[in-house]
């Protein structure tokens, strides 16, 4: 059931600061809204669809992190939590325990705003492992989400298309 009191419009673009202000946080929380942020009964997942190599000592295979963040189709999104955030972590409990779960996606780091993709339900969340920057295996959670609304085809094609220089 979609939240009719939601201040967000499907497929509109929002910055992290916009999300913070629209959720009446009382202060700008955008500096702490990376990856995931829980605000009361809502959780916000921020995804950069095409990851780029970072300059801060991260060693990515083929120039990008190997996160499985992807739309399988216009209803199913697969998401990997941050490294070190297993299923039992407070981070993942915040995600799974939220009444309303929101997905925001931008195509690449070149974009500053995220498309509001709408609310989702978690279909599956399971423990997995991913190698950290030091070559050690760390816990992560692999999450399969089902969007409440099918993603518009044009937007899905845009997000999935290759980045052109």
C-alpha atoms as a PDB file:
ATOM      1  CA  UNK A   1       0.000   0.000   0.000  1.00  0.00           C
ATOM      2  CA  UNK A   2       1.547   3.283  -1.133  1.00  0.00           C
ATOM      3  CA  UNK A   3       1.768   6.079   1.409  1.00  0.00           C
ATOM      4  CA  UNK A   4      -0.712   8.728   0.230  1.00  0.00           C
ATOM      5  CA  UNK A   5       0.831  11.332   2.536  1.00  0.00           C
ATOM      6  CA  UNK A   6       4.256  10.934   0.927  1.00  0.00           C
ATOM      7  CA  UNK A   7       5.886  14.226  -0.067  1.00  0.00           C
ATOM      8  CA  UNK A   8       7.709  12.450  -2.921  1.00  0.00           C
ATOM      9  CA  UNK A   9       6.573  12.282  -6.553  1.00  0.00           C
ATOM     10  CA  UNK A  10       7.387   9.123  -8.491  1.00  0.00           C
ATOM     11  CA  UNK A  11      10.347   9.607 -10.896  1.00  0.00           C
ATOM     12  CA  UNK A  12      11.013  13.196  -9.831  1.00  0.00           C
ATOM     13  CA  UNK A  13      14.605  14.089  -8.941  1.00  0.00           C
ATOM     14  CA  UNK A  14      15.647  14.822  -5.361  1.00  0.00           C
ATOM     15  CA  UNK A  15      18.929  15.631  -3.672  1.00  0.00           C
ATOM     16  CA  UNK A  16      19.824  14.108  -0.316  1.00  0.00           C
ATOM     17  CA  UNK A  17      19.128  17.553   1.171  1.00  0.00           C
ATOM     18  CA  UNK A  18      15.630  17.576  -0.420  1.00  0.00           C
ATOM     19  CA  UNK A  19      14.877  14.217   1.225  1.00  0.00           C
ATOM     20  CA  UNK A  20      16.067  15.519   4.574  1.00  0.00           C
ATOM     21  CA  UNK A  21      13.919  18.663   4.339  1.00  0.00           C
ATOM     22  CA  UNK A  22      10.829  16.864   2.977  1.00  0.00           C
ATOM     23  CA  UNK A  23      11.010  14.413   5.875  1.00  0.00           C
ATOM     24  CA  UNK A  24      10.945  17.326   8.348  1.00  0.00           C
ATOM     25  CA  UNK A  25      14.178  16.274   9.988  1.00  0.00           C
ATOM     26  CA  UNK A  26      14.537  19.658  11.660  1.00  0.00           C
ATOM     27  CA  UNK A  27      18.051  19.897  10.293  1.00  0.00           C
ATOM     28  CA  UNK A  28      19.879  19.037   7.108  1.00  0.00           C
ATOM     29  CA  UNK A  29      20.904  15.379   7.399  1.00  0.00           C
ATOM     30  CA  UNK A  30      22.168  15.105   3.821  1.00  0.00           C
ATOM     31  CA  UNK A  31      25.766  14.674   4.960  1.00  0.00           C
ATOM     32  CA  UNK A  32      24.829  11.389   6.672  1.00  0.00           C
ATOM     33  CA  UNK A  33      22.537  10.079   3.904  1.00  0.00           C
ATOM     34  CA  UNK A  34      24.897   7.786   2.048  1.00  0.00           C
ATOM     35  CA  UNK A  35      23.702   4.345   1.030  1.00  0.00           C
ATOM     36  CA  UNK A  36      20.897   4.144   3.567  1.00  0.00           C
ATOM     37  CA  UNK A  37      19.202   6.454   6.039  1.00  0.00           C
ATOM     38  CA  UNK A  38      16.403   5.578   8.446  1.00  0.00           C
ATOM     39  CA  UNK A  39      14.130   8.460   9.471  1.00  0.00           C
ATOM     40  CA  UNK A  40      11.399   7.373  11.893  1.00  0.00           C
ATOM     41  CA  UNK A  41       9.234   4.783  10.057  1.00  0.00           C
ATOM     42  CA  UNK A  42      10.874   5.427   6.682  1.00  0.00           C
ATOM     43  CA  UNK A  43      14.108   4.102   5.229  1.00  0.00           C
ATOM     44  CA  UNK A  44      15.780   5.590   2.164  1.00  0.00           C
ATOM     45  CA  UNK A  45      18.172   3.597  -0.035  1.00  0.00           C
ATOM     46  CA  UNK A  46      20.392   5.768  -2.262  1.00  0.00           C
ATOM     47  CA  UNK A  47      21.928   3.954  -5.258  1.00  0.00           C
ATOM     48  CA  UNK A  48      24.405   5.067  -7.889  1.00  0.00           C
ATOM     49  CA  UNK A  49      23.561   2.694 -10.736  1.00  0.00           C
ATOM     50  CA  UNK A  50      26.892   2.898 -12.563  1.00  0.00           C
ATOM     51  CA  UNK A  51      29.652   2.868  -9.962  1.00  0.00           C
ATOM     52  CA  UNK A  52      32.944   4.501 -10.862  1.00  0.00           C
ATOM     53  CA  UNK A  53      36.417   3.878  -9.544  1.00  0.00           C
ATOM     54  CA  UNK A  54      37.036   5.859  -6.409  1.00  0.00           C
ATOM     55  CA  UNK A  55      40.254   7.710  -5.692  1.00  0.00           C
ATOM     56  CA  UNK A  56      40.339   6.731  -2.005  1.00  0.00           C
ATOM     57  CA  UNK A  57      42.355   3.498  -2.197  1.00  0.00           C
ATOM     58  CA  UNK A  58      39.481   1.269  -3.261  1.00  0.00           C
ATOM     59  CA  UNK A  59      40.549  -1.424  -5.687  1.00  0.00           C
ATOM     60  CA  UNK A  60      37.678  -2.178  -8.010  1.00  0.00           C
ATOM     61  CA  UNK A  61      37.684  -4.935 -10.574  1.00  0.00           C
ATOM     62  CA  UNK A  62      37.363  -3.468 -14.072  1.00  0.00           C
ATOM     63  CA  UNK A  63      37.221   0.023 -12.596  1.00  0.00           C
ATOM     64  CA  UNK A  64      34.023  -0.368 -10.639  1.00  0.00           C
ATOM     65  CA  UNK A  65      32.914  -1.896  -7.371  1.00  0.00           C
ATOM     66  CA  UNK A  66      31.383  -5.264  -7.694  1.00  0.00           C
ATOM     67  CA  UNK A  67      28.031  -4.452  -6.087  1.00  0.00           C
ATOM     68  CA  UNK A  68      25.039  -6.244  -7.549  1.00  0.00           C
ATOM     69  CA  UNK A  69      22.809  -3.154  -7.521  1.00  0.00           C
ATOM     70  CA  UNK A  70      20.656  -3.723 -10.585  1.00  0.00           C
ATOM     71  CA  UNK A  71      17.117  -3.846 -11.900  1.00  0.00           C
ATOM     72  CA  UNK A  72      16.312  -7.384 -13.021  1.00  0.00           C
ATOM     73  CA  UNK A  73      13.199  -5.988 -14.679  1.00  0.00           C
ATOM     74  CA  UNK A  74      10.862  -3.065 -14.065  1.00  0.00           C
ATOM     75  CA  UNK A  75       9.642  -4.461 -10.720  1.00  0.00           C
ATOM     76  CA  UNK A  76      12.592  -6.322  -9.170  1.00  0.00           C
ATOM     77  CA  UNK A  77      15.712  -4.573  -7.846  1.00  0.00           C
ATOM     78  CA  UNK A  78      18.720  -6.393  -6.378  1.00  0.00           C
ATOM     79  CA  UNK A  79      20.780  -4.499  -3.809  1.00  0.00           C
ATOM     80  CA  UNK A  80      23.954  -5.313  -1.877  1.00  0.00           C
ATOM     81  CA  UNK A  81      24.352  -3.643   1.509  1.00  0.00           C
ATOM     82  CA  UNK A  82      27.536  -1.870   2.444  1.00  0.00           C
ATOM     83  CA  UNK A  83      30.494  -4.096   3.329  1.00  0.00           C
ATOM     84  CA  UNK A  84      30.359  -5.091   6.988  1.00  0.00           C
ATOM     85  CA  UNK A  85      26.536  -4.912   7.167  1.00  0.00           C
ATOM     86  CA  UNK A  86      25.301  -8.462   7.592  1.00  0.00           C
ATOM     87  CA  UNK A  87      21.675  -9.448   8.086  1.00  0.00           C
ATOM     88  CA  UNK A  88      21.900  -9.166  11.887  1.00  0.00           C
ATOM     89  CA  UNK A  89      23.524  -5.696  11.852  1.00  0.00           C
ATOM     90  CA  UNK A  90      21.603  -2.708  13.225  1.00  0.00           C
ATOM     91  CA  UNK A  91      22.004  -1.187   9.736  1.00  0.00           C
ATOM     92  CA  UNK A  92      20.055  -4.025   8.112  1.00  0.00           C
ATOM     93  CA  UNK A  93      17.557  -4.168  10.981  1.00  0.00           C
ATOM     94  CA  UNK A  94      16.841  -0.473  10.256  1.00  0.00           C
ATOM     95  CA  UNK A  95      16.174  -1.358   6.612  1.00  0.00           C
ATOM     96  CA  UNK A  96      14.061  -4.449   7.280  1.00  0.00           C
ATOM     97  CA  UNK A  97      12.153  -2.937  10.200  1.00  0.00           C
ATOM     98  CA  UNK A  98      11.052   0.263   8.481  1.00  0.00           C
ATOM     99  CA  UNK A  99       7.339   0.580   7.750  1.00  0.00           C
ATOM    100  CA  UNK A 100       8.008   2.371   4.461  1.00  0.00           C
ATOM    101  CA  UNK A 101      11.026   1.654   2.280  1.00  0.00           C
ATOM    102  CA  UNK A 102      12.021   4.104  -0.481  1.00  0.00           C
ATOM    103  CA  UNK A 103      14.460   3.661  -3.366  1.00  0.00           C
ATOM    104  CA  UNK A 104      16.300   6.597  -4.953  1.00  0.00           C
ATOM    105  CA  UNK A 105      18.614   6.000  -7.923  1.00  0.00           C
ATOM    106  CA  UNK A 106      20.982   8.138  -9.966  1.00  0.00           C
ATOM    107  CA  UNK A 107      22.733   6.941 -13.102  1.00  0.00           C
ATOM    108  CA  UNK A 108      26.298   7.951 -12.184  1.00  0.00           C
ATOM    109  CA  UNK A 109      28.398  10.077  -9.864  1.00  0.00           C
ATOM    110  CA  UNK A 110      28.199  12.846 -12.464  1.00  0.00           C
ATOM    111  CA  UNK A 111      24.554  13.357 -11.432  1.00  0.00           C
ATOM    112  CA  UNK A 112      23.830  15.116  -8.161  1.00  0.00           C
ATOM    113  CA  UNK A 113      20.155  14.249  -7.805  1.00  0.00           C
ATOM    114  CA  UNK A 114      18.415  10.894  -7.478  1.00  0.00           C
ATOM    115  CA  UNK A 115      15.235   9.699  -9.206  1.00  0.00           C
ATOM    116  CA  UNK A 116      12.573   8.738  -6.683  1.00  0.00           C
ATOM    117  CA  UNK A 117      11.710   5.198  -7.775  1.00  0.00           C
ATOM    118  CA  UNK A 118       9.005   4.757  -5.145  1.00  0.00           C
ATOM    119  CA  UNK A 119       8.402   2.384  -2.288  1.00  0.00           C
ATOM    120  CA  UNK A 120       9.383  -1.264  -2.221  1.00  0.00           C
ATOM    121  CA  UNK A 121       8.938  -4.419  -0.184  1.00  0.00           C
ATOM    122  CA  UNK A 122      11.781  -6.781   0.676  1.00  0.00           C
ATOM    123  CA  UNK A 123      11.176 -10.169  -0.938  1.00  0.00           C
ATOM    124  CA  UNK A 124      14.406 -11.735   0.311  1.00  0.00           C
ATOM    125  CA  UNK A 125      17.388 -10.703   2.438  1.00  0.00           C
ATOM    126  CA  UNK A 126      20.252 -13.125   2.930  1.00  0.00           C
ATOM    127  CA  UNK A 127      23.752 -13.095   4.343  1.00  0.00           C
ATOM    128  CA  UNK A 128      26.654 -13.120   1.914  1.00  0.00           C
ATOM    129  CA  UNK A 129      30.272 -12.002   1.861  1.00  0.00           C
ATOM    130  CA  UNK A 130      32.291  -9.550  -0.182  1.00  0.00           C
ATOM    131  CA  UNK A 131      36.007  -8.866  -0.246  1.00  0.00           C
ATOM    132  CA  UNK A 132      36.974  -5.543   1.312  1.00  0.00           C
ATOM    133  CA  UNK A 133      39.760  -3.248   0.081  1.00  0.00           C
ATOM    134  CA  UNK A 134      42.321  -5.200   2.098  1.00  0.00           C
ATOM    135  CA  UNK A 135      41.368  -8.551   0.582  1.00  0.00           C
ATOM    136  CA  UNK A 136      39.440  -9.794   3.643  1.00  0.00           C
ATOM    137  CA  UNK A 137      36.001 -11.316   3.329  1.00  0.00           C
ATOM    138  CA  UNK A 138      33.371  -9.267   5.165  1.00  0.00           C
ATOM    139  CA  UNK A 139      29.634  -9.784   5.721  1.00  0.00           C
ATOM    140  CA  UNK A 140      27.091  -8.086   3.469  1.00  0.00           C
ATOM    141  CA  UNK A 141      23.368  -8.586   2.933  1.00  0.00           C
ATOM    142  CA  UNK A 142      21.965  -9.357  -0.508  1.00  0.00           C
ATOM    143  CA  UNK A 143      18.454  -7.912  -0.775  1.00  0.00           C
ATOM    144  CA  UNK A 144      15.809  -8.552  -3.431  1.00  0.00           C
ATOM    145  CA  UNK A 145      13.192  -5.786  -3.549  1.00  0.00           C
ATOM    146  CA  UNK A 146       9.846  -5.609  -5.298  1.00  0.00           C
ATOM    147  CA  UNK A 147       8.802  -2.118  -6.307  1.00  0.00           C
ATOM    148  CA  UNK A 148       5.219  -1.060  -5.575  1.00  0.00           C
ATOM    149  CA  UNK A 149       5.007   0.462  -9.093  1.00  0.00           C
ATOM    150  CA  UNK A 150       6.612  -0.845 -12.264  1.00  0.00           C
ATOM    151  CA  UNK A 151       9.467   1.444 -13.254  1.00  0.00           C
ATOM    152  CA  UNK A 152       8.794   3.498 -16.378  1.00  0.00           C
ATOM    153  CA  UNK A 153      10.473   1.874 -19.395  1.00  0.00           C
ATOM    154  CA  UNK A 154      12.195   5.073 -20.592  1.00  0.00           C
ATOM    155  CA  UNK A 155      13.725   5.722 -17.175  1.00  0.00           C
ATOM    156  CA  UNK A 156      14.797   2.098 -16.788  1.00  0.00           C
ATOM    157  CA  UNK A 157      16.481   2.183 -20.223  1.00  0.00           C
ATOM    158  CA  UNK A 158      18.228   5.453 -19.335  1.00  0.00           C
ATOM    159  CA  UNK A 159      19.584   4.101 -16.029  1.00  0.00           C
ATOM    160  CA  UNK A 160      20.737   0.840 -17.607  1.00  0.00           C
ATOM    161  CA  UNK A 161      22.348   2.413 -20.681  1.00  0.00           C
ATOM    162  CA  UNK A 162      26.122   2.804 -20.762  1.00  0.00           C
ATOM    163  CA  UNK A 163      27.679   6.053 -19.664  1.00  0.00           C
ATOM    164  CA  UNK A 164      29.013   8.009 -22.593  1.00  0.00           C
ATOM    165  CA  UNK A 165      31.970  10.303 -22.085  1.00  0.00           C
END
